[in-house]
Amino acid sequence: MQRALLYFLAGTVVSFLINYFLLGSEGWPLDLYYGIAFGAAWGMAYYLDDEQFTLIQKLGISFILMTVLLVAGIFIFDAELAVPAIIRFSMVFVAYYVLASFRRAKSLRK
């Protein structure tokens, strides 16, 4: 759990810095929101990369987190700005498991 939180924080900071300084900022609150979506995806993917979670549980938990991100984004910004965060979350979450699928253990934890 501690390492998943570390990945969340590191992913958030790195994504925020890249969005803010390199990709053209649309305002620091929006860049922070996108950074949180990226960090949450990376941390959640790492946390769920365990044999105790079934595929259905992994998908269900990720869907719940995407819904929370979407509702928060719509509440703070609007739907047009919240949807890209969900796309980023989905891409990072899927990329994590695609990379893991190339390993013999089917996990990036081991």
C-alpha atoms as a PDB file:
ATOM      1  CA  MET A   1       0.000   0.000   0.000  1.00  0.00           C
ATOM      2  CA  GLN A   2       2.845   2.390   0.806  1.00  0.00           C
ATOM      3  CA  ARG A   3       4.461   1.808  -2.565  1.00  0.00           C
ATOM      4  CA  ALA A   4       1.125   2.377  -4.331  1.00  0.00           C
ATOM      5  CA  LEU A   5       0.817   5.727  -2.532  1.00  0.00           C
ATOM      6  CA  LEU A   6       4.376   6.555  -3.546  1.00  0.00           C
ATOM      7  CA  TYR A   7       3.524   5.798  -7.190  1.00  0.00           C
ATOM      8  CA  PHE A   8       0.404   7.949  -6.877  1.00  0.00           C
ATOM      9  CA  LEU A   9       2.386  10.892  -5.528  1.00  0.00           C
ATOM     10  CA  ALA A  10       5.266  10.487  -7.990  1.00  0.00           C
ATOM     11  CA  GLY A  11       2.907  10.111 -10.953  1.00  0.00           C
ATOM     12  CA  THR A  12       0.930  13.151  -9.882  1.00  0.00           C
ATOM     13  CA  VAL A  13       4.006  15.349  -9.464  1.00  0.00           C
ATOM     14  CA  VAL A  14       5.692  14.229 -12.696  1.00  0.00           C
ATOM     15  CA  SER A  15       2.502  14.566 -14.742  1.00  0.00           C
ATOM     16  CA  PHE A  16       1.736  17.980 -13.251  1.00  0.00           C
ATOM     17  CA  LEU A  17       5.229  19.266 -13.991  1.00  0.00           C
ATOM     18  CA  ILE A  18       5.147  17.971 -17.556  1.00  0.00           C
ATOM     19  CA  ASN A  19       1.698  19.448 -18.203  1.00  0.00           C
ATOM     20  CA  TYR A  20       2.502  22.754 -16.539  1.00  0.00           C
ATOM     21  CA  PHE A  21       5.952  23.433 -17.946  1.00  0.00           C
ATOM     22  CA  LEU A  22       6.242  21.481 -21.202  1.00  0.00           C
ATOM     23  CA  LEU A  23       2.818  20.921 -22.756  1.00  0.00           C
ATOM     24  CA  GLY A  24       1.329  24.362 -22.379  1.00  0.00           C
ATOM     25  CA  SER A  25      -0.580  24.972 -19.225  1.00  0.00           C
ATOM     26  CA  GLU A  26      -4.316  25.582 -19.188  1.00  0.00           C
ATOM     27  CA  GLY A  27      -4.066  26.753 -15.595  1.00  0.00           C
ATOM     28  CA  TRP A  28      -2.513  25.009 -12.643  1.00  0.00           C
ATOM     29  CA  PRO A  29      -5.800  23.627 -11.212  1.00  0.00           C
ATOM     30  CA  LEU A  30      -6.561  21.769 -14.428  1.00  0.00           C
ATOM     31  CA  ASP A  31      -2.974  20.556 -14.734  1.00  0.00           C
ATOM     32  CA  LEU A  32      -3.133  19.329 -11.140  1.00  0.00           C
ATOM     33  CA  TYR A  33      -6.404  17.533 -11.869  1.00  0.00           C
ATOM     34  CA  TYR A  34      -4.835  15.787 -14.872  1.00  0.00           C
ATOM     35  CA  GLY A  35      -1.794  14.958 -12.749  1.00  0.00           C
ATOM     36  CA  ILE A  36      -4.001  13.424 -10.066  1.00  0.00           C
ATOM     37  CA  ALA A  37      -5.754  11.317 -12.713  1.00  0.00           C
ATOM     38  CA  PHE A  38      -2.391  10.074 -14.008  1.00  0.00           C
ATOM     39  CA  GLY A  39      -1.031   9.384 -10.526  1.00  0.00           C
ATOM     40  CA  ALA A  40      -4.235   7.682  -9.425  1.00  0.00           C
ATOM     41  CA  ALA A  41      -4.128   5.371 -12.426  1.00  0.00           C
ATOM     42  CA  TRP A  42      -0.509   4.408 -11.829  1.00  0.00           C
ATOM     43  CA  GLY A  43      -0.962   3.916  -8.082  1.00  0.00           C
ATOM     44  CA  MET A  44      -4.238   2.008  -8.458  1.00  0.00           C
ATOM     45  CA  ALA A  45      -2.826  -0.249 -11.186  1.00  0.00           C
ATOM     46  CA  TYR A  46       0.139  -1.070  -8.977  1.00  0.00           C
ATOM     47  CA  TYR A  47      -2.086  -1.692  -5.955  1.00  0.00           C
ATOM     48  CA  LEU A  48      -4.434  -3.970  -7.897  1.00  0.00           C
ATOM     49  CA  ASP A  49      -1.522  -5.896  -9.435  1.00  0.00           C
ATOM     50  CA  ASP A  50      -1.956  -8.677  -6.911  1.00  0.00           C
ATOM     51  CA  GLU A  51      -3.240 -12.222  -7.158  1.00  0.00           C
ATOM     52  CA  GLN A  52      -5.884 -11.576  -4.504  1.00  0.00           C
ATOM     53  CA  PHE A  53      -7.879  -9.397  -6.943  1.00  0.00           C
ATOM     54  CA  THR A  54      -9.808 -11.021  -9.770  1.00  0.00           C
ATOM     55  CA  LEU A  55     -10.108  -9.370 -13.162  1.00  0.00           C
ATOM     56  CA  ILE A  56     -13.699  -8.354 -12.424  1.00  0.00           C
ATOM     57  CA  GLN A  57     -12.610  -6.714  -9.161  1.00  0.00           C
ATOM     58  CA  LYS A  58      -9.796  -4.857 -10.908  1.00  0.00           C
ATOM     59  CA  LEU A  59     -12.143  -3.557 -13.587  1.00  0.00           C
ATOM     60  CA  GLY A  60     -14.854  -2.675 -11.059  1.00  0.00           C
ATOM     61  CA  ILE A  61     -12.513  -0.758  -8.773  1.00  0.00           C
ATOM     62  CA  SER A  62     -10.970   1.113 -11.704  1.00  0.00           C
ATOM     63  CA  PHE A  63     -14.460   1.978 -13.003  1.00  0.00           C
ATOM     64  CA  ILE A  64     -15.455   3.332  -9.589  1.00  0.00           C
ATOM     65  CA  LEU A  65     -12.307   5.483  -9.455  1.00  0.00           C
ATOM     66  CA  MET A  66     -12.936   6.755 -12.994  1.00  0.00           C
ATOM     67  CA  THR A  67     -16.478   7.690 -11.988  1.00  0.00           C
ATOM     68  CA  VAL A  68     -15.207   9.569  -8.935  1.00  0.00           C
ATOM     69  CA  LEU A  69     -12.672  11.436 -11.098  1.00  0.00           C
ATOM     70  CA  LEU A  70     -15.336  12.271 -13.667  1.00  0.00           C
ATOM     71  CA  VAL A  71     -17.847  13.549 -11.113  1.00  0.00           C
ATOM     72  CA  ALA A  72     -15.159  15.623  -9.367  1.00  0.00           C
ATOM     73  CA  GLY A  73     -14.012  17.027 -12.709  1.00  0.00           C
ATOM     74  CA  ILE A  74     -17.536  17.931 -13.782  1.00  0.00           C
ATOM     75  CA  PHE A  75     -18.184  19.547 -10.411  1.00  0.00           C
ATOM     76  CA  ILE A  76     -14.940  21.571 -10.399  1.00  0.00           C
ATOM     77  CA  PHE A  77     -14.547  22.281 -14.144  1.00  0.00           C
ATOM     78  CA  ASP A  78     -16.998  20.935 -16.737  1.00  0.00           C
ATOM     79  CA  ALA A  79     -17.518  17.732 -18.703  1.00  0.00           C
ATOM     80  CA  GLU A  80     -15.427  18.921 -21.632  1.00  0.00           C
ATOM     81  CA  LEU A  81     -12.366  19.300 -19.396  1.00  0.00           C
ATOM     82  CA  ALA A  82     -13.085  16.261 -17.196  1.00  0.00           C
ATOM     83  CA  VAL A  83     -13.252  13.663 -19.973  1.00  0.00           C
ATOM     84  CA  PRO A  84      -9.549  13.944 -20.967  1.00  0.00           C
ATOM     85  CA  ALA A  85      -8.619  13.005 -17.393  1.00  0.00           C
ATOM     86  CA  ILE A  86     -10.647   9.807 -17.726  1.00  0.00           C
ATOM     87  CA  ILE A  87      -8.951   9.036 -21.032  1.00  0.00           C
ATOM     88  CA  ARG A  88      -5.536   9.544 -19.417  1.00  0.00           C
ATOM     89  CA  PHE A  89      -6.524   7.347 -16.488  1.00  0.00           C
ATOM     90  CA  SER A  90      -7.696   4.581 -18.811  1.00  0.00           C
ATOM     91  CA  MET A  91      -4.592   4.735 -20.995  1.00  0.00           C
ATOM     92  CA  VAL A  92      -2.206   4.535 -18.041  1.00  0.00           C
ATOM     93  CA  PHE A  93      -4.209   1.766 -16.372  1.00  0.00           C
ATOM     94  CA  VAL A  94      -4.308  -0.335 -19.547  1.00  0.00           C
ATOM     95  CA  ALA A  95      -0.659   0.401 -20.385  1.00  0.00           C
ATOM     96  CA  TYR A  96       0.388  -0.902 -16.976  1.00  0.00           C
ATOM     97  CA  TYR A  97      -1.283  -4.257 -17.607  1.00  0.00           C
ATOM     98  CA  VAL A  98      -0.070  -4.453 -21.213  1.00  0.00           C
ATOM     99  CA  LEU A  99       3.496  -4.044 -19.965  1.00  0.00           C
ATOM    100  CA  ALA A 100       2.843  -6.620 -17.264  1.00  0.00           C
ATOM    101  CA  SER A 101       1.503  -9.105 -19.812  1.00  0.00           C
ATOM    102  CA  PHE A 102       4.928  -9.306 -21.476  1.00  0.00           C
ATOM    103  CA  ARG A 103       6.525 -10.594 -18.300  1.00  0.00           C
ATOM    104  CA  ARG A 104       6.557 -14.240 -17.358  1.00  0.00           C
ATOM    105  CA  ALA A 105       4.951 -13.547 -13.950  1.00  0.00           C
ATOM    106  CA  LYS A 106       2.272 -11.322 -15.602  1.00  0.00           C
ATOM    107  CA  SER A 107       2.984  -8.711 -12.956  1.00  0.00           C
ATOM    108  CA  LEU A 108       5.212  -5.671 -12.679  1.00  0.00           C
ATOM    109  CA  ARG A 109       5.436  -6.141  -8.921  1.00  0.00           C
ATOM    110  CA  LYS A 110       7.672  -9.187  -9.068  1.00  0.00           C
END
